[in-house]
Amino acid sequence: MQRRRAGRAQDDADQQAANQAAYESQRELDDMQRQMDQLQAQQAPAAAPAPAAGDDNLMDQLTKLADLKAAGVLTDAEFGAAKAKLLGA
């Protein structure tokens, strides 16, 4: 009888841990989605090339894209398309 209770308690603990992990994963995905939304908003086509001071901003954006790709949020194709938009290609 105690084994059965211990097994249930372990199952409950495992389920709670799984739920917590799922919650944390969802929060991370939500954060990454907000970052993607911000990047997409920043990618509006420019009429002229960005000034030299904007180079740092461009590098920051490219770095963020690379981080999102490395985290598995972006596929290779999505990364390439976003990168092309940033570079004006």
PDB file of N, CA and C in Angstrom:
ATOM      1  N   MET A   1       0.819  -1.183   0.000  1.00  0.00           N
ATOM      2  CA  MET A   1       0.000   0.000   0.000  1.00  0.00           C
ATOM      3  C   MET A   1       0.874   1.263   0.000  1.00  0.00           C
ATOM      4  N   GLN A   2       1.944   1.241   0.818  1.00  0.00           N
ATOM      5  CA  GLN A   2       2.819   2.407   0.871  1.00  0.00           C
ATOM      6  C   GLN A   2       3.579   2.589  -0.433  1.00  0.00           C
ATOM      7  N   ARG A   3       3.919   1.476  -1.076  1.00  0.00           N
ATOM      8  CA  ARG A   3       4.599   1.580  -2.377  1.00  0.00           C
ATOM      9  C   ARG A   3       3.714   2.275  -3.388  1.00  0.00           C
ATOM     10  N   ARG A   4       2.437   1.922  -3.349  1.00  0.00           N
ATOM     11  CA  ARG A   4       1.499   2.521  -4.287  1.00  0.00           C
ATOM     12  C   ARG A   4       1.404   4.029  -4.039  1.00  0.00           C
ATOM     13  N   ARG A   5       1.332   4.426  -2.759  1.00  0.00           N
ATOM     14  CA  ARG A   5       1.280   5.853  -2.422  1.00  0.00           C
ATOM     15  C   ARG A   5       2.578   6.554  -2.836  1.00  0.00           C
ATOM     16  N   ALA A   6       3.694   5.895  -2.576  1.00  0.00           N
ATOM     17  CA  ALA A   6       4.984   6.477  -2.954  1.00  0.00           C
ATOM     18  C   ALA A   6       5.064   6.620  -4.467  1.00  0.00           C
ATOM     19  N   GLY A   7       4.561   5.632  -5.185  1.00  0.00           N
ATOM     20  CA  GLY A   7       4.544   5.710  -6.649  1.00  0.00           C
ATOM     21  C   GLY A   7       3.677   6.849  -7.141  1.00  0.00           C
ATOM     22  N   ARG A   8       2.526   7.014  -6.525  1.00  0.00           N
ATOM     23  CA  ARG A   8       1.636   8.127  -6.901  1.00  0.00           C
ATOM     24  C   ARG A   8       2.278   9.471  -6.578  1.00  0.00           C
ATOM     25  N   ALA A   9       2.914   9.533  -5.409  1.00  0.00           N
ATOM     26  CA  ALA A   9       3.576  10.783  -5.028  1.00  0.00           C
ATOM     27  C   ALA A   9       4.679  11.117  -6.030  1.00  0.00           C
ATOM     28  N   GLN A  10       5.429  10.109  -6.456  1.00  0.00           N
ATOM     29  CA  GLN A  10       6.483  10.335  -7.439  1.00  0.00           C
ATOM     30  C   GLN A  10       5.881  10.751  -8.782  1.00  0.00           C
ATOM     31  N   ASP A  11       4.787  10.101  -9.168  1.00  0.00           N
ATOM     32  CA  ASP A  11       4.108  10.468 -10.416  1.00  0.00           C
ATOM     33  C   ASP A  11       3.635  11.915 -10.352  1.00  0.00           C
ATOM     34  N   ASP A  12       3.066  12.302  -9.198  1.00  0.00           N
ATOM     35  CA  ASP A  12       2.612  13.689  -9.032  1.00  0.00           C
ATOM     36  C   ASP A  12       3.784  14.656  -9.121  1.00  0.00           C
ATOM     37  N   ALA A  13       4.898  14.304  -8.477  1.00  0.00           N
ATOM     38  CA  ALA A  13       6.076  15.167  -8.522  1.00  0.00           C
ATOM     39  C   ALA A  13       6.626  15.260  -9.943  1.00  0.00           C
ATOM     40  N   ASP A  14       6.639  14.142 -10.647  1.00  0.00           N
ATOM     41  CA  ASP A  14       7.113  14.145 -12.036  1.00  0.00           C
ATOM     42  C   ASP A  14       6.208  15.007 -12.906  1.00  0.00           C
ATOM     43  N   GLN A  15       4.906  14.893 -12.697  1.00  0.00           N
ATOM     44  CA  GLN A  15       3.951  15.685 -13.485  1.00  0.00           C
ATOM     45  C   GLN A  15       4.119  17.174 -13.184  1.00  0.00           C
ATOM     46  N   GLN A  16       4.315  17.497 -11.914  1.00  0.00           N
ATOM     47  CA  GLN A  16       4.501  18.891 -11.535  1.00  0.00           C
ATOM     48  C   GLN A  16       5.785  19.448 -12.163  1.00  0.00           C
ATOM     49  N   ALA A  17       6.844  18.654 -12.152  1.00  0.00           N
ATOM     50  CA  ALA A  17       8.102  19.088 -12.770  1.00  0.00           C
ATOM     51  C   ALA A  17       7.922  19.278 -14.275  1.00  0.00           C
ATOM     52  N   ALA A  18       7.189  18.379 -14.900  1.00  0.00           N
ATOM     53  CA  ALA A  18       6.942  18.498 -16.341  1.00  0.00           C
ATOM     54  C   ALA A  18       6.113  19.742 -16.647  1.00  0.00           C
ATOM     55  N   ASN A  19       5.123  20.007 -15.808  1.00  0.00           N
ATOM     56  CA  ASN A  19       4.290  21.201 -15.996  1.00  0.00           C
ATOM     57  C   ASN A  19       5.126  22.469 -15.836  1.00  0.00           C
ATOM     58  N   GLN A  20       6.008  22.476 -14.843  1.00  0.00           N
ATOM     59  CA  GLN A  20       6.864  23.640 -14.625  1.00  0.00           C
ATOM     60  C   GLN A  20       7.802  23.845 -15.809  1.00  0.00           C
ATOM     61  N   ALA A  21       8.369  22.769 -16.310  1.00  0.00           N
ATOM     62  CA  ALA A  21       9.259  22.872 -17.464  1.00  0.00           C
ATOM     63  C   ALA A  21       8.506  23.380 -18.689  1.00  0.00           C
ATOM     64  N   ALA A  22       7.293  22.905 -18.881  1.00  0.00           N
ATOM     65  CA  ALA A  22       6.481  23.358 -20.013  1.00  0.00           C
ATOM     66  C   ALA A  22       6.159  24.846 -19.867  1.00  0.00           C
ATOM     67  N   TYR A  23       5.834  25.262 -18.654  1.00  0.00           N
ATOM     68  CA  TYR A  23       5.529  26.673 -18.403  1.00  0.00           C
ATOM     69  C   TYR A  23       6.742  27.550 -18.715  1.00  0.00           C
ATOM     70  N   GLU A  24       7.911  27.129 -18.229  1.00  0.00           N
ATOM     71  CA  GLU A  24       9.120  27.898 -18.475  1.00  0.00           C
ATOM     72  C   GLU A  24       9.468  27.931 -19.960  1.00  0.00           C
ATOM     73  N   SER A  25       9.282  26.819 -20.639  1.00  0.00           N
ATOM     74  CA  SER A  25       9.536  26.785 -22.085  1.00  0.00           C
ATOM     75  C   SER A  25       8.597  27.730 -22.819  1.00  0.00           C
ATOM     76  N   GLN A  26       7.348  27.753 -22.406  1.00  0.00           N
ATOM     77  CA  GLN A  26       6.385  28.645 -23.046  1.00  0.00           C
ATOM     78  C   GLN A  26       6.756  30.106 -22.803  1.00  0.00           C
ATOM     79  N   ARG A  27       7.213  30.421 -21.596  1.00  0.00           N
ATOM     80  CA  ARG A  27       7.641  31.795 -21.304  1.00  0.00           C
ATOM     81  C   ARG A  27       8.810  32.180 -22.191  1.00  0.00           C
ATOM     82  N   GLU A  28       9.766  31.264 -22.362  1.00  0.00           N
ATOM     83  CA  GLU A  28      10.909  31.540 -23.226  1.00  0.00           C
ATOM     84  C   GLU A  28      10.459  31.745 -24.671  1.00  0.00           C
ATOM     85  N   LEU A  29       9.540  30.920 -25.124  1.00  0.00           N
ATOM     86  CA  LEU A  29       9.021  31.077 -26.486  1.00  0.00           C
ATOM     87  C   LEU A  29       8.305  32.414 -26.653  1.00  0.00           C
ATOM     88  N   ASP A  30       7.529  32.798 -25.634  1.00  0.00           N
ATOM     89  CA  ASP A  30       6.831  34.089 -25.687  1.00  0.00           C
ATOM     90  C   ASP A  30       7.834  35.238 -25.752  1.00  0.00           C
ATOM     91  N   ASP A  31       8.907  35.147 -24.957  1.00  0.00           N
ATOM     92  CA  ASP A  31       9.941  36.185 -24.983  1.00  0.00           C
ATOM     93  C   ASP A  31      10.603  36.252 -26.358  1.00  0.00           C
ATOM     94  N   MET A  32      10.910  35.097 -26.920  1.00  0.00           N
ATOM     95  CA  MET A  32      11.538  35.064 -28.245  1.00  0.00           C
ATOM     96  C   MET A  32      10.602  35.595 -29.314  1.00  0.00           C
ATOM     97  N   GLN A  33       9.311  35.312 -29.171  1.00  0.00           N
ATOM     98  CA  GLN A  33       8.340  35.821 -30.138  1.00  0.00           C
ATOM     99  C   GLN A  33       8.275  37.345 -30.068  1.00  0.00           C
ATOM    100  N   ARG A  34       8.330  37.894 -28.850  1.00  0.00           N
ATOM    101  CA  ARG A  34       8.340  39.357 -28.713  1.00  0.00           C
ATOM    102  C   ARG A  34       9.584  39.938 -29.378  1.00  0.00           C
ATOM    103  N   GLN A  35      10.718  39.279 -29.208  1.00  0.00           N
ATOM    104  CA  GLN A  35      11.945  39.743 -29.854  1.00  0.00           C
ATOM    105  C   GLN A  35      11.810  39.694 -31.373  1.00  0.00           C
ATOM    106  N   MET A  36      11.227  38.617 -31.871  1.00  0.00           N
ATOM    107  CA  MET A  36      11.018  38.501 -33.326  1.00  0.00           C
ATOM    108  C   MET A  36      10.086  39.608 -33.828  1.00  0.00           C
ATOM    109  N   ASP A  37       9.022  39.862 -33.075  1.00  0.00           N
ATOM    110  CA  ASP A  37       8.093  40.922 -33.467  1.00  0.00           C
ATOM    111  C   ASP A  37       8.802  42.273 -33.519  1.00  0.00           C
ATOM    112  N   GLN A  38       9.662  42.524 -32.532  1.00  0.00           N
ATOM    113  CA  GLN A  38      10.414  43.775 -32.531  1.00  0.00           C
ATOM    114  C   GLN A  38      11.359  43.856 -33.727  1.00  0.00           C
ATOM    115  N   LEU A  39      12.031  42.743 -34.023  1.00  0.00           N
ATOM    116  CA  LEU A  39      12.935  42.726 -35.174  1.00  0.00           C
ATOM    117  C   LEU A  39      12.180  42.961 -36.476  1.00  0.00           C
ATOM    118  N   GLN A  40      11.032  42.328 -36.607  1.00  0.00           N
ATOM    119  CA  GLN A  40      10.255  42.508 -37.826  1.00  0.00           C
ATOM    120  C   GLN A  40       9.770  43.942 -37.959  1.00  0.00           C
ATOM    121  N   ALA A  41       9.426  44.567 -36.848  1.00  0.00           N
ATOM    122  CA  ALA A  41       8.992  45.962 -36.892  1.00  0.00           C
ATOM    123  C   ALA A  41      10.141  46.885 -37.301  1.00  0.00           C
ATOM    124  N   GLN A  42      11.352  46.502 -36.926  1.00  0.00           N
ATOM    125  CA  GLN A  42      12.528  47.307 -37.266  1.00  0.00           C
ATOM    126  C   GLN A  42      12.989  47.093 -38.699  1.00  0.00           C
ATOM    127  N   GLN A  43      12.457  46.103 -39.378  1.00  0.00           N
ATOM    128  CA  GLN A  43      12.942  45.752 -40.700  1.00  0.00           C
ATOM    129  C   GLN A  43      12.183  46.435 -41.832  1.00  0.00           C
ATOM    130  N   ALA A  44      11.488  47.499 -41.537  1.00  0.00           N
ATOM    131  CA  ALA A  44      10.789  48.229 -42.591  1.00  0.00           C
ATOM    132  C   ALA A  44      11.823  48.704 -43.609  1.00  0.00           C
ATOM    133  N   PRO A  45      11.500  48.595 -44.904  1.00  0.00           N
ATOM    134  CA  PRO A  45      12.479  48.984 -45.927  1.00  0.00           C
ATOM    135  C   PRO A  45      12.862  50.457 -45.791  1.00  0.00           C
ATOM    136  N   ALA A  46      14.134  50.729 -45.930  1.00  0.00           N
ATOM    137  CA  ALA A  46      14.648  52.094 -45.846  1.00  0.00           C
ATOM    138  C   ALA A  46      14.823  52.646 -47.255  1.00  0.00           C
ATOM    139  N   ALA A  47      14.614  53.948 -47.408  1.00  0.00           N
ATOM    140  CA  ALA A  47      14.752  54.587 -48.713  1.00  0.00           C
ATOM    141  C   ALA A  47      16.220  54.727 -49.101  1.00  0.00           C
ATOM    142  N   ALA A  48      17.080  54.887 -48.106  1.00  0.00           N
ATOM    143  CA  ALA A  48      18.510  55.055 -48.380  1.00  0.00           C
ATOM    144  C   ALA A  48      19.289  54.177 -47.408  1.00  0.00           C
ATOM    145  N   PRO A  49      20.531  53.883 -47.747  1.00  0.00           N
ATOM    146  CA  PRO A  49      21.345  53.098 -46.816  1.00  0.00           C
ATOM    147  C   PRO A  49      21.470  53.809 -45.477  1.00  0.00           C
ATOM    148  N   ALA A  50      21.588  53.026 -44.437  1.00  0.00           N
ATOM    149  CA  ALA A  50      21.699  53.584 -43.094  1.00  0.00           C
ATOM    150  C   ALA A  50      23.029  54.303 -42.943  1.00  0.00           C
ATOM    151  N   PRO A  51      23.049  55.378 -42.162  1.00  0.00           N
ATOM    152  CA  PRO A  51      24.320  56.079 -41.939  1.00  0.00           C
ATOM    153  C   PRO A  51      25.288  55.209 -41.143  1.00  0.00           C
ATOM    154  N   ALA A  52      26.533  55.632 -41.081  1.00  0.00           N
ATOM    155  CA  ALA A  52      27.569  54.851 -40.405  1.00  0.00           C
ATOM    156  C   ALA A  52      27.210  54.563 -38.951  1.00  0.00           C
ATOM    157  N   ALA A  53      26.560  55.494 -38.274  1.00  0.00           N
ATOM    158  CA  ALA A  53      26.163  55.281 -36.877  1.00  0.00           C
ATOM    159  C   ALA A  53      25.181  54.122 -36.765  1.00  0.00           C
ATOM    160  N   GLY A  54      24.440  53.837 -37.822  1.00  0.00           N
ATOM    161  CA  GLY A  54      23.480  52.744 -37.813  1.00  0.00           C
ATOM    162  C   GLY A  54      24.133  51.378 -37.948  1.00  0.00           C
ATOM    163  N   ASP A  55      25.421  51.353 -38.277  1.00  0.00           N
ATOM    164  CA  ASP A  55      26.111  50.078 -38.437  1.00  0.00           C
ATOM    165  C   ASP A  55      26.089  49.261 -37.150  1.00  0.00           C
ATOM    166  N   ASP A  56      26.250  49.945 -36.012  1.00  0.00           N
ATOM    167  CA  ASP A  56      26.192  49.241 -34.727  1.00  0.00           C
ATOM    168  C   ASP A  56      24.825  48.618 -34.526  1.00  0.00           C
ATOM    169  N   ASN A  57      23.776  49.366 -34.872  1.00  0.00           N
ATOM    170  CA  ASN A  57      22.413  48.863 -34.741  1.00  0.00           C
ATOM    171  C   ASN A  57      22.211  47.659 -35.655  1.00  0.00           C
ATOM    172  N   LEU A  58      22.726  47.725 -36.861  1.00  0.00           N
ATOM    173  CA  LEU A  58      22.619  46.613 -37.799  1.00  0.00           C
ATOM    174  C   LEU A  58      23.329  45.387 -37.251  1.00  0.00           C
ATOM    175  N   MET A  59      24.501  45.588 -36.703  1.00  0.00           N
ATOM    176  CA  MET A  59      25.239  44.464 -36.129  1.00  0.00           C
ATOM    177  C   MET A  59      24.483  43.861 -34.944  1.00  0.00           C
ATOM    178  N   ASP A  60      23.872  44.718 -34.135  1.00  0.00           N
ATOM    179  CA  ASP A  60      23.075  44.230 -33.004  1.00  0.00           C
ATOM    180  C   ASP A  60      21.905  43.379 -33.503  1.00  0.00           C
ATOM    181  N   GLN A  61      21.254  43.857 -34.544  1.00  0.00           N
ATOM    182  CA  GLN A  61      20.120  43.116 -35.091  1.00  0.00           C
ATOM    183  C   GLN A  61      20.561  41.783 -35.684  1.00  0.00           C
ATOM    184  N   LEU A  62      21.671  41.799 -36.415  1.00  0.00           N
ATOM    185  CA  LEU A  62      22.185  40.554 -36.983  1.00  0.00           C
ATOM    186  C   LEU A  62      22.587  39.570 -35.877  1.00  0.00           C
ATOM    187  N   THR A  63      23.166  40.106 -34.814  1.00  0.00           N
ATOM    188  CA  THR A  63      23.547  39.258 -33.679  1.00  0.00           C
ATOM    189  C   THR A  63      22.316  38.647 -33.033  1.00  0.00           C
ATOM    190  N   LYS A  64      21.272  39.441 -32.876  1.00  0.00           N
ATOM    191  CA  LYS A  64      20.024  38.923 -32.295  1.00  0.00           C
ATOM    192  C   LYS A  64      19.437  37.829 -33.180  1.00  0.00           C
ATOM    193  N   LEU A  65      19.466  38.055 -34.482  1.00  0.00           N
ATOM    194  CA  LEU A  65      18.971  37.031 -35.407  1.00  0.00           C
ATOM    195  C   LEU A  65      19.773  35.743 -35.271  1.00  0.00           C
ATOM    196  N   ALA A  66      21.089  35.888 -35.201  1.00  0.00           N
ATOM    197  CA  ALA A  66      21.949  34.709 -35.066  1.00  0.00           C
ATOM    198  C   ALA A  66      21.655  33.978 -33.759  1.00  0.00           C
ATOM    199  N   ASP A  67      21.412  34.744 -32.696  1.00  0.00           N
ATOM    200  CA  ASP A  67      21.076  34.129 -31.407  1.00  0.00           C
ATOM    201  C   ASP A  67      19.750  33.369 -31.493  1.00  0.00           C
ATOM    202  N   LEU A  68      18.776  33.955 -32.162  1.00  0.00           N
ATOM    203  CA  LEU A  68      17.482  33.282 -32.312  1.00  0.00           C
ATOM    204  C   LEU A  68      17.621  32.011 -33.141  1.00  0.00           C
ATOM    205  N   LYS A  69      18.463  32.072 -34.170  1.00  0.00           N
ATOM    206  CA  LYS A  69      18.700  30.875 -34.982  1.00  0.00           C
ATOM    207  C   LYS A  69      19.399  29.802 -34.160  1.00  0.00           C
ATOM    208  N   ALA A  70      20.399  30.214 -33.387  1.00  0.00           N
ATOM    209  CA  ALA A  70      21.135  29.262 -32.552  1.00  0.00           C
ATOM    210  C   ALA A  70      20.233  28.638 -31.488  1.00  0.00           C
ATOM    211  N   ALA A  71      19.241  29.394 -31.028  1.00  0.00           N
ATOM    212  CA  ALA A  71      18.308  28.887 -30.019  1.00  0.00           C
ATOM    213  C   ALA A  71      17.240  27.991 -30.632  1.00  0.00           C
ATOM    214  N   GLY A  72      17.231  27.911 -31.956  1.00  0.00           N
ATOM    215  CA  GLY A  72      16.262  27.052 -32.621  1.00  0.00           C
ATOM    216  C   GLY A  72      14.930  27.728 -32.894  1.00  0.00           C
ATOM    217  N   VAL A  73      14.855  29.028 -32.657  1.00  0.00           N
ATOM    218  CA  VAL A  73      13.608  29.760 -32.891  1.00  0.00           C
ATOM    219  C   VAL A  73      13.412  30.013 -34.381  1.00  0.00           C
ATOM    220  N   LEU A  74      14.510  30.264 -35.079  1.00  0.00           N
ATOM    221  CA  LEU A  74      14.458  30.515 -36.523  1.00  0.00           C
ATOM    222  C   LEU A  74      15.055  29.337 -37.282  1.00  0.00           C
ATOM    223  N   THR A  75      14.418  29.010 -38.390  1.00  0.00           N
ATOM    224  CA  THR A  75      14.998  28.014 -39.289  1.00  0.00           C
ATOM    225  C   THR A  75      16.075  28.707 -40.128  1.00  0.00           C
ATOM    226  N   ASP A  76      16.841  27.922 -40.872  1.00  0.00           N
ATOM    227  CA  ASP A  76      17.854  28.501 -41.749  1.00  0.00           C
ATOM    228  C   ASP A  76      17.207  29.446 -42.763  1.00  0.00           C
ATOM    229  N   ALA A  77      16.063  29.033 -43.290  1.00  0.00           N
ATOM    230  CA  ALA A  77      15.380  29.862 -44.294  1.00  0.00           C
ATOM    231  C   ALA A  77      14.876  31.166 -43.684  1.00  0.00           C
ATOM    232  N   GLU A  78      14.295  31.082 -42.491  1.00  0.00           N
ATOM    233  CA  GLU A  78      13.803  32.294 -41.835  1.00  0.00           C
ATOM    234  C   GLU A  78      14.960  33.232 -41.496  1.00  0.00           C
ATOM    235  N   PHE A  79      16.056  32.657 -41.019  1.00  0.00           N
ATOM    236  CA  PHE A  79      17.233  33.462 -40.712  1.00  0.00           C
ATOM    237  C   PHE A  79      17.744  34.157 -41.968  1.00  0.00           C
ATOM    238  N   GLY A  80      17.851  33.401 -43.060  1.00  0.00           N
ATOM    239  CA  GLY A  80      18.340  33.982 -44.308  1.00  0.00           C
ATOM    240  C   GLY A  80      17.454  35.101 -44.819  1.00  0.00           C
ATOM    241  N   ALA A  81      16.143  34.912 -44.719  1.00  0.00           N
ATOM    242  CA  ALA A  81      15.215  35.946 -45.183  1.00  0.00           C
ATOM    243  C   ALA A  81      15.309  37.200 -44.320  1.00  0.00           C
ATOM    244  N   ALA A  82      15.370  37.021 -43.004  1.00  0.00           N
ATOM    245  CA  ALA A  82      15.461  38.173 -42.107  1.00  0.00           C
ATOM    246  C   ALA A  82      16.787  38.898 -42.299  1.00  0.00           C
ATOM    247  N   LYS A  83      17.844  38.144 -42.496  1.00  0.00           N
ATOM    248  CA  LYS A  83      19.160  38.729 -42.714  1.00  0.00           C
ATOM    249  C   LYS A  83      19.174  39.537 -44.026  1.00  0.00           C
ATOM    250  N   ALA A  84      18.577  38.973 -45.063  1.00  0.00           N
ATOM    251  CA  ALA A  84      18.510  39.657 -46.348  1.00  0.00           C
ATOM    252  C   ALA A  84      17.741  40.965 -46.223  1.00  0.00           C
ATOM    253  N   LYS A  85      16.661  40.956 -45.452  1.00  0.00           N
ATOM    254  CA  LYS A  85      15.891  42.187 -45.247  1.00  0.00           C
ATOM    255  C   LYS A  85      16.743  43.230 -44.528  1.00  0.00           C
ATOM    256  N   LEU A  86      17.454  42.797 -43.509  1.00  0.00           N
ATOM    257  CA  LEU A  86      18.308  43.748 -42.770  1.00  0.00           C
ATOM    258  C   LEU A  86      19.391  44.356 -43.655  1.00  0.00           C
ATOM    259  N   LEU A  87      19.940  43.519 -44.528  1.00  0.00           N
ATOM    260  CA  LEU A  87      21.036  43.985 -45.371  1.00  0.00           C
ATOM    261  C   LEU A  87      20.541  44.675 -46.632  1.00  0.00           C
ATOM    262  N   GLY A  88      19.226  44.713 -46.804  1.00  0.00           N
ATOM    263  CA  GLY A  88      18.661  45.410 -47.966  1.00  0.00           C
ATOM    264  C   GLY A  88      18.837  44.661 -49.267  1.00  0.00           C
ATOM    265  N   ALA A  89      19.023  43.352 -49.187  1.00  0.00           N
ATOM    266  CA  ALA A  89      19.213  42.551 -50.389  1.00  0.00           C
ATOM    267  C   ALA A  89      17.889  42.078 -50.953  1.00  0.00           C
TER     268      ALA A  89
END
